[in-house]
């Protein structure tokens, strides 16, 4: 394996690593919804609330 081929291999590996880290970071940021509410929820509507 020549020097130029080694440089190409390392460059491709770095690009693949960067792409993987970028996708993982994007999924982590978009997927963080926080903690769901611990109380509250559905209640029956009455009177003028139905409008």
PDB file of N, CA and C in Angstrom:
ATOM      1  N   UNK A   1       0.855  -1.181   0.000  1.00  0.00           N
ATOM      2  CA  UNK A   1       0.000   0.000   0.000  1.00  0.00           C
ATOM      3  C   UNK A   1       0.891   1.230   0.000  1.00  0.00           C
ATOM      4  N   UNK A   2       0.712   2.066  -0.997  1.00  0.00           N
ATOM      5  CA  UNK A   2       1.540   3.257  -1.118  1.00  0.00           C
ATOM      6  C   UNK A   2       1.103   4.349  -0.170  1.00  0.00           C
ATOM      7  N   UNK A   3       1.899   5.401  -0.115  1.00  0.00           N
ATOM      8  CA  UNK A   3       1.606   6.524   0.772  1.00  0.00           C
ATOM      9  C   UNK A   3       0.315   7.231   0.399  1.00  0.00           C
ATOM     10  N   UNK A   4       0.089   7.390  -0.911  1.00  0.00           N
ATOM     11  CA  UNK A   4      -1.123   8.081  -1.373  1.00  0.00           C
ATOM     12  C   UNK A   4      -2.375   7.270  -1.031  1.00  0.00           C
ATOM     13  N   UNK A   5      -2.290   5.953  -1.157  1.00  0.00           N
ATOM     14  CA  UNK A   5      -3.436   5.091  -0.834  1.00  0.00           C
ATOM     15  C   UNK A   5      -3.736   5.140   0.663  1.00  0.00           C
ATOM     16  N   UNK A   6      -2.705   5.209   1.467  1.00  0.00           N
ATOM     17  CA  UNK A   6      -2.899   5.292   2.916  1.00  0.00           C
ATOM     18  C   UNK A   6      -3.575   6.611   3.305  1.00  0.00           C
ATOM     19  N   UNK A   7      -3.154   7.689   2.684  1.00  0.00           N
ATOM     20  CA  UNK A   7      -3.767   8.993   2.955  1.00  0.00           C
ATOM     21  C   UNK A   7      -5.240   8.969   2.558  1.00  0.00           C
ATOM     22  N   UNK A   8      -5.556   8.372   1.412  1.00  0.00           N
ATOM     23  CA  UNK A   8      -6.939   8.266   0.959  1.00  0.00           C
ATOM     24  C   UNK A   8      -7.765   7.433   1.939  1.00  0.00           C
ATOM     25  N   UNK A   9      -7.208   6.336   2.402  1.00  0.00           N
ATOM     26  CA  UNK A   9      -7.900   5.483   3.362  1.00  0.00           C
ATOM     27  C   UNK A   9      -8.183   6.227   4.667  1.00  0.00           C
ATOM     28  N   UNK A  10      -7.199   6.943   5.176  1.00  0.00           N
ATOM     29  CA  UNK A  10      -7.380   7.698   6.414  1.00  0.00           C
ATOM     30  C   UNK A  10      -8.401   8.804   6.214  1.00  0.00           C
ATOM     31  N   UNK A  11      -8.360   9.482   5.068  1.00  0.00           N
ATOM     32  CA  UNK A  11      -9.318  10.554   4.787  1.00  0.00           C
ATOM     33  C   UNK A  11     -10.741  10.007   4.736  1.00  0.00           C
ATOM     34  N   UNK A  12     -10.928   8.878   4.067  1.00  0.00           N
ATOM     35  CA  UNK A  12     -12.265   8.271   4.000  1.00  0.00           C
ATOM     36  C   UNK A  12     -12.748   7.834   5.369  1.00  0.00           C
ATOM     37  N   UNK A  13     -11.855   7.298   6.179  1.00  0.00           N
ATOM     38  CA  UNK A  13     -12.225   6.879   7.526  1.00  0.00           C
ATOM     39  C   UNK A  13     -12.643   8.084   8.371  1.00  0.00           C
ATOM     40  N   UNK A  14     -11.939   9.187   8.233  1.00  0.00           N
ATOM     41  CA  UNK A  14     -12.277  10.392   8.988  1.00  0.00           C
ATOM     42  C   UNK A  14     -13.625  10.963   8.551  1.00  0.00           C
ATOM     43  N   UNK A  15     -13.895  10.953   7.248  1.00  0.00           N
ATOM     44  CA  UNK A  15     -15.176  11.440   6.744  1.00  0.00           C
ATOM     45  C   UNK A  15     -16.311  10.554   7.259  1.00  0.00           C
ATOM     46  N   UNK A  16     -16.127   9.241   7.231  1.00  0.00           N
ATOM     47  CA  UNK A  16     -17.148   8.318   7.726  1.00  0.00           C
ATOM     48  C   UNK A  16     -17.378   8.515   9.225  1.00  0.00           C
ATOM     49  N   UNK A  17     -16.323   8.706   9.974  1.00  0.00           N
ATOM     50  CA  UNK A  17     -16.437   8.933  11.412  1.00  0.00           C
ATOM     51  C   UNK A  17     -17.169  10.241  11.694  1.00  0.00           C
ATOM     52  N   UNK A  18     -16.824  11.290  10.977  1.00  0.00           N
ATOM     53  CA  UNK A  18     -17.485  12.588  11.148  1.00  0.00           C
ATOM     54  C   UNK A  18     -18.965  12.485  10.805  1.00  0.00           C
ATOM     55  N   UNK A  19     -19.289  11.778   9.729  1.00  0.00           N
ATOM     56  CA  UNK A  19     -20.694  11.617   9.332  1.00  0.00           C
ATOM     57  C   UNK A  19     -21.475  10.858  10.408  1.00  0.00           C
ATOM     58  N   UNK A  20     -20.891   9.813  10.943  1.00  0.00           N
ATOM     59  CA  UNK A  20     -21.556   9.036  11.991  1.00  0.00           C
ATOM     60  C   UNK A  20     -21.788   9.843  13.252  1.00  0.00           C
ATOM     61  N   UNK A  21     -20.793  10.599  13.654  1.00  0.00           N
ATOM     62  CA  UNK A  21     -20.930  11.439  14.852  1.00  0.00           C
ATOM     63  C   UNK A  21     -21.978  12.524  14.623  1.00  0.00           C
ATOM     64  N   UNK A  22     -22.004  13.096  13.425  1.00  0.00           N
ATOM     65  CA  UNK A  22     -22.987  14.141  13.112  1.00  0.00           C
ATOM     66  C   UNK A  22     -24.412  13.598  13.169  1.00  0.00           C
ATOM     67  N   UNK A  23     -24.629  12.436  12.594  1.00  0.00           N
ATOM     68  CA  UNK A  23     -25.963  11.829  12.612  1.00  0.00           C
ATOM     69  C   UNK A  23     -26.368  11.486  14.037  1.00  0.00           C
ATOM     70  N   UNK A  24     -25.471  10.934  14.813  1.00  0.00           N
ATOM     71  CA  UNK A  24     -25.783  10.583  16.199  1.00  0.00           C
ATOM     72  C   UNK A  24     -26.115  11.832  17.021  1.00  0.00           C
ATOM     73  N   UNK A  25     -25.376  12.912  16.805  1.00  0.00           N
ATOM     74  CA  UNK A  25     -25.647  14.157  17.528  1.00  0.00           C
ATOM     75  C   UNK A  25     -27.006  14.728  17.137  1.00  0.00           C
ATOM     76  N   UNK A  26     -27.336  14.683  15.843  1.00  0.00           N
ATOM     77  CA  UNK A  26     -28.627  15.206  15.383  1.00  0.00           C
ATOM     78  C   UNK A  26     -29.778  14.401  15.974  1.00  0.00           C
ATOM     79  N   UNK A  27     -29.634  13.095  16.015  1.00  0.00           N
ATOM     80  CA  UNK A  27     -30.688  12.247  16.587  1.00  0.00           C
ATOM     81  C   UNK A  27     -30.825  12.527  18.079  1.00  0.00           C
ATOM     82  N   UNK A  28     -29.717  12.704  18.754  1.00  0.00           N
ATOM     83  CA  UNK A  28     -29.762  12.955  20.194  1.00  0.00           C
ATOM     84  C   UNK A  28     -30.415  14.301  20.496  1.00  0.00           C
ATOM     85  N   UNK A  29     -30.101  15.320  19.713  1.00  0.00           N
ATOM     86  CA  UNK A  29     -30.669  16.648  19.953  1.00  0.00           C
ATOM     87  C   UNK A  29     -32.157  16.651  19.639  1.00  0.00           C
ATOM     88  N   UNK A  30     -32.558  16.066  18.527  1.00  0.00           N
ATOM     89  CA  UNK A  30     -33.968  16.064  18.141  1.00  0.00           C
ATOM     90  C   UNK A  30     -34.789  15.133  19.025  1.00  0.00           C
ATOM     91  N   UNK A  31     -34.173  14.106  19.576  1.00  0.00           N
ATOM     92  CA  UNK A  31     -34.908  13.126  20.358  1.00  0.00           C
ATOM     93  C   UNK A  31     -35.086  13.492  21.814  1.00  0.00           C
ATOM     94  N   UNK A  32     -34.486  14.595  22.247  1.00  0.00           N
ATOM     95  CA  UNK A  32     -34.582  14.937  23.665  1.00  0.00           C
ATOM     96  C   UNK A  32     -35.889  15.662  23.927  1.00  0.00           C
ATOM     97  N   UNK A  33     -36.883  14.934  24.385  1.00  0.00           N
ATOM     98  CA  UNK A  33     -38.185  15.512  24.653  1.00  0.00           C
ATOM     99  C   UNK A  33     -38.374  15.903  26.105  1.00  0.00           C
ATOM    100  N   UNK A  34     -37.454  15.548  26.951  1.00  0.00           N
ATOM    101  CA  UNK A  34     -37.582  15.864  28.360  1.00  0.00           C
ATOM    102  C   UNK A  34     -38.458  14.864  29.090  1.00  0.00           C
ATOM    103  N   UNK A  35     -38.826  15.204  30.295  1.00  0.00           N
ATOM    104  CA  UNK A  35     -39.628  14.325  31.147  1.00  0.00           C
ATOM    105  C   UNK A  35     -41.105  14.660  30.936  1.00  0.00           C
ATOM    106  N   UNK A  36     -41.956  13.663  30.731  1.00  0.00           N
ATOM    107  CA  UNK A  36     -43.390  13.940  30.576  1.00  0.00           C
ATOM    108  C   UNK A  36     -43.994  14.441  31.891  1.00  0.00           C
ATOM    109  N   UNK A  37     -45.102  15.170  31.806  1.00  0.00           N
ATOM    110  CA  UNK A  37     -45.721  15.683  33.034  1.00  0.00           C
ATOM    111  C   UNK A  37     -46.126  14.555  33.976  1.00  0.00           C
ATOM    112  N   UNK A  38     -45.940  14.790  35.255  1.00  0.00           N
ATOM    113  CA  UNK A  38     -46.233  13.766  36.262  1.00  0.00           C
ATOM    114  C   UNK A  38     -47.645  13.877  36.822  1.00  0.00           C
ATOM    115  N   UNK A  39     -48.336  15.010  36.591  1.00  0.00           N
ATOM    116  CA  UNK A  39     -49.708  15.159  37.063  1.00  0.00           C
ATOM    117  C   UNK A  39     -50.493  15.941  36.015  1.00  0.00           C
ATOM    118  N   UNK A  40     -51.773  16.023  36.193  1.00  0.00           N
ATOM    119  CA  UNK A  40     -52.622  16.686  35.206  1.00  0.00           C
ATOM    120  C   UNK A  40     -53.215  15.634  34.285  1.00  0.00           C
ATOM    121  N   UNK A  41     -53.499  16.005  33.061  1.00  0.00           N
ATOM    122  CA  UNK A  41     -54.020  15.050  32.108  1.00  0.00           C
ATOM    123  C   UNK A  41     -55.390  15.456  31.604  1.00  0.00           C
ATOM    124  N   UNK A  42     -56.180  14.467  31.230  1.00  0.00           N
ATOM    125  CA  UNK A  42     -57.497  14.724  30.648  1.00  0.00           C
ATOM    126  C   UNK A  42     -58.499  15.086  31.725  1.00  0.00           C
ATOM    127  N   UNK A  43     -59.414  15.983  31.369  1.00  0.00           N
ATOM    128  CA  UNK A  43     -60.525  16.319  32.256  1.00  0.00           C
ATOM    129  C   UNK A  43     -61.761  16.567  31.402  1.00  0.00           C
ATOM    130  N   UNK A  44     -62.904  16.402  31.995  1.00  0.00           N
ATOM    131  CA  UNK A  44     -64.154  16.596  31.279  1.00  0.00           C
ATOM    132  C   UNK A  44     -64.439  18.086  31.116  1.00  0.00           C
ATOM    133  N   UNK A  45     -64.821  18.491  29.899  1.00  0.00           N
ATOM    134  CA  UNK A  45     -65.178  19.882  29.645  1.00  0.00           C
ATOM    135  C   UNK A  45     -66.618  20.127  30.037  1.00  0.00           C
ATOM    136  N   UNK A  46     -66.871  21.333  30.556  1.00  0.00           N
ATOM    137  CA  UNK A  46     -68.216  21.670  31.011  1.00  0.00           C
ATOM    138  C   UNK A  46     -68.618  23.036  30.457  1.00  0.00           C
ATOM    139  N   UNK A  47     -69.925  23.217  30.220  1.00  0.00           N
ATOM    140  CA  UNK A  47     -70.488  24.513  29.875  1.00  0.00           C
ATOM    141  C   UNK A  47     -69.860  25.182  28.662  1.00  0.00           C
ATOM    142  N   UNK A  48     -69.334  26.392  28.876  1.00  0.00           N
ATOM    143  CA  UNK A  48     -68.807  27.198  27.756  1.00  0.00           C
ATOM    144  C   UNK A  48     -67.469  26.685  27.240  1.00  0.00           C
ATOM    145  N   UNK A  49     -66.816  25.786  27.929  1.00  0.00           N
ATOM    146  CA  UNK A  49     -65.535  25.236  27.459  1.00  0.00           C
ATOM    147  C   UNK A  49     -65.712  24.392  26.214  1.00  0.00           C
ATOM    148  N   UNK A  50     -66.964  23.960  25.926  1.00  0.00           N
ATOM    149  CA  UNK A  50     -67.220  23.102  24.771  1.00  0.00           C
ATOM    150  C   UNK A  50     -67.242  23.871  23.465  1.00  0.00           C
ATOM    151  N   UNK A  51     -67.294  25.183  23.501  1.00  0.00           N
ATOM    152  CA  UNK A  51     -67.392  25.997  22.287  1.00  0.00           C
ATOM    153  C   UNK A  51     -66.058  26.124  21.590  1.00  0.00           C
TER     154      UNK A  51
END
